[in-house]
Amino acid sequence: MGSLFTSVCPSLVLLGIGEIISSRSCPKVLLLNGTHDRATGGFSASCFVTAIADALNRTYGDPHNCLKNPPSQ
C-alpha cells in the first residue's frame, strides 16, 4: 500500500507505462483506499482520477509532452 503521490503516480510516469495502459482494450478499474492520508486528505474520487490521468499523460502543463498512443474513444 502506498500514497498517491509517493507510490502510485511515480510508478505511472515511467516512460511507456501510460502508452501500455491506454493501448489495452480491457476495462480499467481504480479501487480507492478509504483511509485518510495526509497528502490526499479532502480529495474526492475525481481528484484521484485527475492525478492519475495527469501522471499517465505526463503533460506537466506542456500539451506537446503527452501520450504517443492516446486511448481510443
N, C-alpha and C. Protein backbone atom coordinates (compact mmCIF):
# COMPACT_ATOMS: atom_id res chain seq x y z
N MET A 1 0.84 -1.17 0.00
CA MET A 1 0.00 0.00 0.00
C MET A 1 0.88 1.23 0.00
N GLY A 2 0.51 2.23 -0.78
CA GLY A 2 1.32 3.43 -0.84
C GLY A 2 0.48 4.66 -1.05
N SER A 3 1.12 5.78 -0.92
CA SER A 3 0.47 7.06 -1.10
C SER A 3 0.32 7.36 -2.59
N LEU A 4 -0.68 8.15 -2.91
CA LEU A 4 -0.92 8.53 -4.30
C LEU A 4 0.29 9.21 -4.91
N PHE A 5 0.88 10.16 -4.20
CA PHE A 5 1.96 10.96 -4.77
C PHE A 5 3.35 10.40 -4.54
N THR A 6 3.51 9.44 -3.64
CA THR A 6 4.84 8.88 -3.41
C THR A 6 5.00 7.45 -3.91
N SER A 7 3.91 6.78 -4.23
CA SER A 7 4.00 5.41 -4.72
C SER A 7 3.27 5.19 -6.04
N VAL A 8 2.03 5.64 -6.12
CA VAL A 8 1.22 5.34 -7.30
C VAL A 8 1.67 6.18 -8.49
N CYS A 9 1.60 7.50 -8.39
CA CYS A 9 1.94 8.37 -9.52
C CYS A 9 3.38 8.21 -10.00
N PRO A 10 4.38 8.08 -9.11
CA PRO A 10 5.74 7.88 -9.61
C PRO A 10 5.89 6.61 -10.46
N SER A 11 5.11 5.60 -10.17
CA SER A 11 5.16 4.38 -10.97
C SER A 11 4.51 4.57 -12.33
N LEU A 12 3.56 5.49 -12.42
CA LEU A 12 2.83 5.70 -13.66
C LEU A 12 3.52 6.65 -14.62
N VAL A 13 4.41 7.49 -14.14
CA VAL A 13 5.07 8.46 -15.03
C VAL A 13 6.25 7.85 -15.79
N LEU A 14 6.61 6.62 -15.49
CA LEU A 14 7.72 5.97 -16.19
C LEU A 14 7.41 5.89 -17.68
N LEU A 15 8.41 6.13 -18.49
CA LEU A 15 8.25 6.14 -19.94
C LEU A 15 7.62 4.84 -20.43
N GLY A 16 6.54 4.97 -21.17
CA GLY A 16 5.88 3.82 -21.78
C GLY A 16 4.72 3.25 -20.99
N ILE A 17 4.63 3.55 -19.69
CA ILE A 17 3.56 2.97 -18.88
C ILE A 17 2.19 3.48 -19.32
N GLY A 18 2.05 4.77 -19.51
CA GLY A 18 0.77 5.33 -19.96
C GLY A 18 0.36 4.78 -21.32
N GLU A 19 1.33 4.66 -22.22
CA GLU A 19 1.04 4.12 -23.54
C GLU A 19 0.59 2.66 -23.47
N ILE A 20 1.24 1.88 -22.63
CA ILE A 20 0.86 0.47 -22.49
C ILE A 20 -0.54 0.34 -21.92
N ILE A 21 -0.83 1.10 -20.87
CA ILE A 21 -2.16 1.02 -20.26
C ILE A 21 -3.23 1.46 -21.24
N SER A 22 -2.99 2.56 -21.96
CA SER A 22 -4.01 3.07 -22.87
C SER A 22 -4.19 2.19 -24.10
N SER A 23 -3.16 1.42 -24.47
CA SER A 23 -3.27 0.60 -25.68
C SER A 23 -4.06 -0.69 -25.44
N ARG A 24 -4.29 -1.07 -24.20
CA ARG A 24 -5.04 -2.29 -23.90
C ARG A 24 -6.54 -2.02 -23.99
N SER A 25 -7.26 -2.93 -24.60
CA SER A 25 -8.70 -2.72 -24.79
C SER A 25 -9.53 -3.15 -23.58
N CYS A 26 -8.89 -3.72 -22.56
CA CYS A 26 -9.64 -4.19 -21.39
C CYS A 26 -10.10 -3.01 -20.53
N PRO A 27 -11.16 -3.21 -19.75
CA PRO A 27 -11.61 -2.16 -18.84
C PRO A 27 -10.53 -1.86 -17.80
N LYS A 28 -10.43 -0.60 -17.42
CA LYS A 28 -9.51 -0.20 -16.37
C LYS A 28 -10.33 0.07 -15.11
N VAL A 29 -9.87 -0.45 -13.98
CA VAL A 29 -10.60 -0.32 -12.72
C VAL A 29 -9.69 0.34 -11.70
N LEU A 30 -10.21 1.34 -11.02
CA LEU A 30 -9.47 2.03 -9.97
C LEU A 30 -10.19 1.80 -8.65
N LEU A 31 -9.53 1.18 -7.71
CA LEU A 31 -10.09 0.97 -6.38
C LEU A 31 -9.43 1.97 -5.44
N LEU A 32 -10.23 2.81 -4.83
CA LEU A 32 -9.70 3.83 -3.93
C LEU A 32 -9.63 3.32 -2.50
N ASN A 33 -8.56 3.63 -1.84
CA ASN A 33 -8.38 3.28 -0.43
C ASN A 33 -9.11 4.33 0.39
N GLY A 34 -10.01 3.91 1.23
CA GLY A 34 -10.82 4.83 2.01
C GLY A 34 -10.14 5.40 3.24
N THR A 35 -8.92 4.98 3.54
CA THR A 35 -8.24 5.51 4.72
C THR A 35 -7.72 6.91 4.45
N HIS A 36 -7.56 7.66 5.51
CA HIS A 36 -7.08 9.04 5.37
C HIS A 36 -5.57 9.05 5.23
N ASP A 37 -5.11 9.85 4.31
CA ASP A 37 -3.69 10.05 4.05
C ASP A 37 -3.45 11.55 4.14
N ARG A 38 -2.42 11.96 4.82
CA ARG A 38 -2.21 13.40 4.99
C ARG A 38 -1.97 14.12 3.66
N ALA A 39 -1.46 13.41 2.65
CA ALA A 39 -1.21 14.04 1.35
C ALA A 39 -2.48 14.19 0.52
N THR A 40 -3.50 13.38 0.81
CA THR A 40 -4.70 13.41 -0.01
C THR A 40 -5.96 13.68 0.81
N GLY A 41 -5.81 14.16 2.01
CA GLY A 41 -6.96 14.48 2.84
C GLY A 41 -7.87 15.48 2.15
N GLY A 42 -9.13 15.19 2.10
CA GLY A 42 -10.09 16.08 1.45
C GLY A 42 -10.24 15.83 -0.04
N PHE A 43 -9.48 14.90 -0.60
CA PHE A 43 -9.59 14.60 -2.02
C PHE A 43 -10.90 13.86 -2.29
N SER A 44 -11.53 14.19 -3.39
CA SER A 44 -12.68 13.43 -3.87
C SER A 44 -12.17 12.34 -4.80
N ALA A 45 -13.05 11.45 -5.20
CA ALA A 45 -12.65 10.40 -6.14
C ALA A 45 -12.15 11.01 -7.44
N SER A 46 -12.79 12.10 -7.87
CA SER A 46 -12.37 12.73 -9.13
C SER A 46 -10.98 13.35 -9.01
N CYS A 47 -10.59 13.79 -7.81
CA CYS A 47 -9.23 14.30 -7.60
C CYS A 47 -8.21 13.20 -7.81
N PHE A 48 -8.50 12.00 -7.32
CA PHE A 48 -7.61 10.87 -7.51
C PHE A 48 -7.50 10.53 -9.00
N VAL A 49 -8.64 10.50 -9.68
CA VAL A 49 -8.65 10.17 -11.11
C VAL A 49 -7.85 11.20 -11.89
N THR A 50 -8.02 12.48 -11.56
CA THR A 50 -7.28 13.53 -12.25
C THR A 50 -5.78 13.39 -12.03
N ALA A 51 -5.37 13.14 -10.80
CA ALA A 51 -3.94 12.98 -10.50
C ALA A 51 -3.35 11.80 -11.27
N ILE A 52 -4.09 10.70 -11.33
CA ILE A 52 -3.60 9.51 -12.04
C ILE A 52 -3.57 9.77 -13.54
N ALA A 53 -4.61 10.40 -14.09
CA ALA A 53 -4.63 10.70 -15.52
C ALA A 53 -3.49 11.65 -15.89
N ASP A 54 -3.24 12.65 -15.06
CA ASP A 54 -2.12 13.57 -15.31
C ASP A 54 -0.79 12.84 -15.29
N ALA A 55 -0.63 11.91 -14.36
CA ALA A 55 0.62 11.14 -14.29
C ALA A 55 0.77 10.26 -15.52
N LEU A 56 -0.31 9.60 -15.93
CA LEU A 56 -0.24 8.74 -17.11
C LEU A 56 0.03 9.53 -18.38
N ASN A 57 -0.57 10.71 -18.48
CA ASN A 57 -0.38 11.55 -19.67
C ASN A 57 0.95 12.29 -19.67
N ARG A 58 1.54 12.44 -18.48
CA ARG A 58 2.84 13.12 -18.33
C ARG A 58 2.88 14.47 -19.03
N THR A 59 1.82 15.25 -18.94
CA THR A 59 1.81 16.54 -19.64
C THR A 59 2.58 17.61 -18.88
N TYR A 60 2.53 17.62 -17.56
CA TYR A 60 3.23 18.62 -16.75
C TYR A 60 2.98 20.03 -17.28
N GLY A 61 1.78 20.28 -17.80
CA GLY A 61 1.45 21.60 -18.31
C GLY A 61 1.89 21.85 -19.74
N ASP A 62 2.61 20.92 -20.36
CA ASP A 62 3.08 21.07 -21.74
C ASP A 62 2.23 20.18 -22.64
N PRO A 63 1.38 20.78 -23.49
CA PRO A 63 0.49 19.97 -24.32
C PRO A 63 1.22 19.11 -25.35
N HIS A 64 2.50 19.40 -25.61
CA HIS A 64 3.27 18.62 -26.58
C HIS A 64 3.95 17.41 -25.93
N ASN A 65 3.99 17.39 -24.59
CA ASN A 65 4.61 16.28 -23.85
C ASN A 65 3.50 15.40 -23.32
N CYS A 66 2.92 14.57 -24.19
CA CYS A 66 1.79 13.74 -23.78
C CYS A 66 1.88 12.36 -24.41
N LEU A 67 0.89 11.55 -24.18
CA LEU A 67 0.88 10.18 -24.69
C LEU A 67 1.11 10.13 -26.20
N LYS A 68 1.94 9.20 -26.61
CA LYS A 68 2.16 9.00 -28.04
C LYS A 68 1.09 8.08 -28.63
N ASN A 69 0.40 7.35 -27.76
CA ASN A 69 -0.63 6.41 -28.19
C ASN A 69 -1.88 6.68 -27.35
N PRO A 70 -2.62 7.77 -27.63
CA PRO A 70 -3.78 8.10 -26.80
C PRO A 70 -4.85 7.02 -26.87
N PRO A 71 -5.62 6.87 -25.80
CA PRO A 71 -6.68 5.85 -25.81
C PRO A 71 -7.74 6.18 -26.85
N SER A 72 -8.31 5.14 -27.42
CA SER A 72 -9.38 5.34 -28.40
C SER A 72 -10.67 5.67 -27.67
N GLN A 73 -11.55 6.37 -28.32
CA GLN A 73 -12.82 6.78 -27.71
C GLN A 73 -13.80 5.66 -27.70
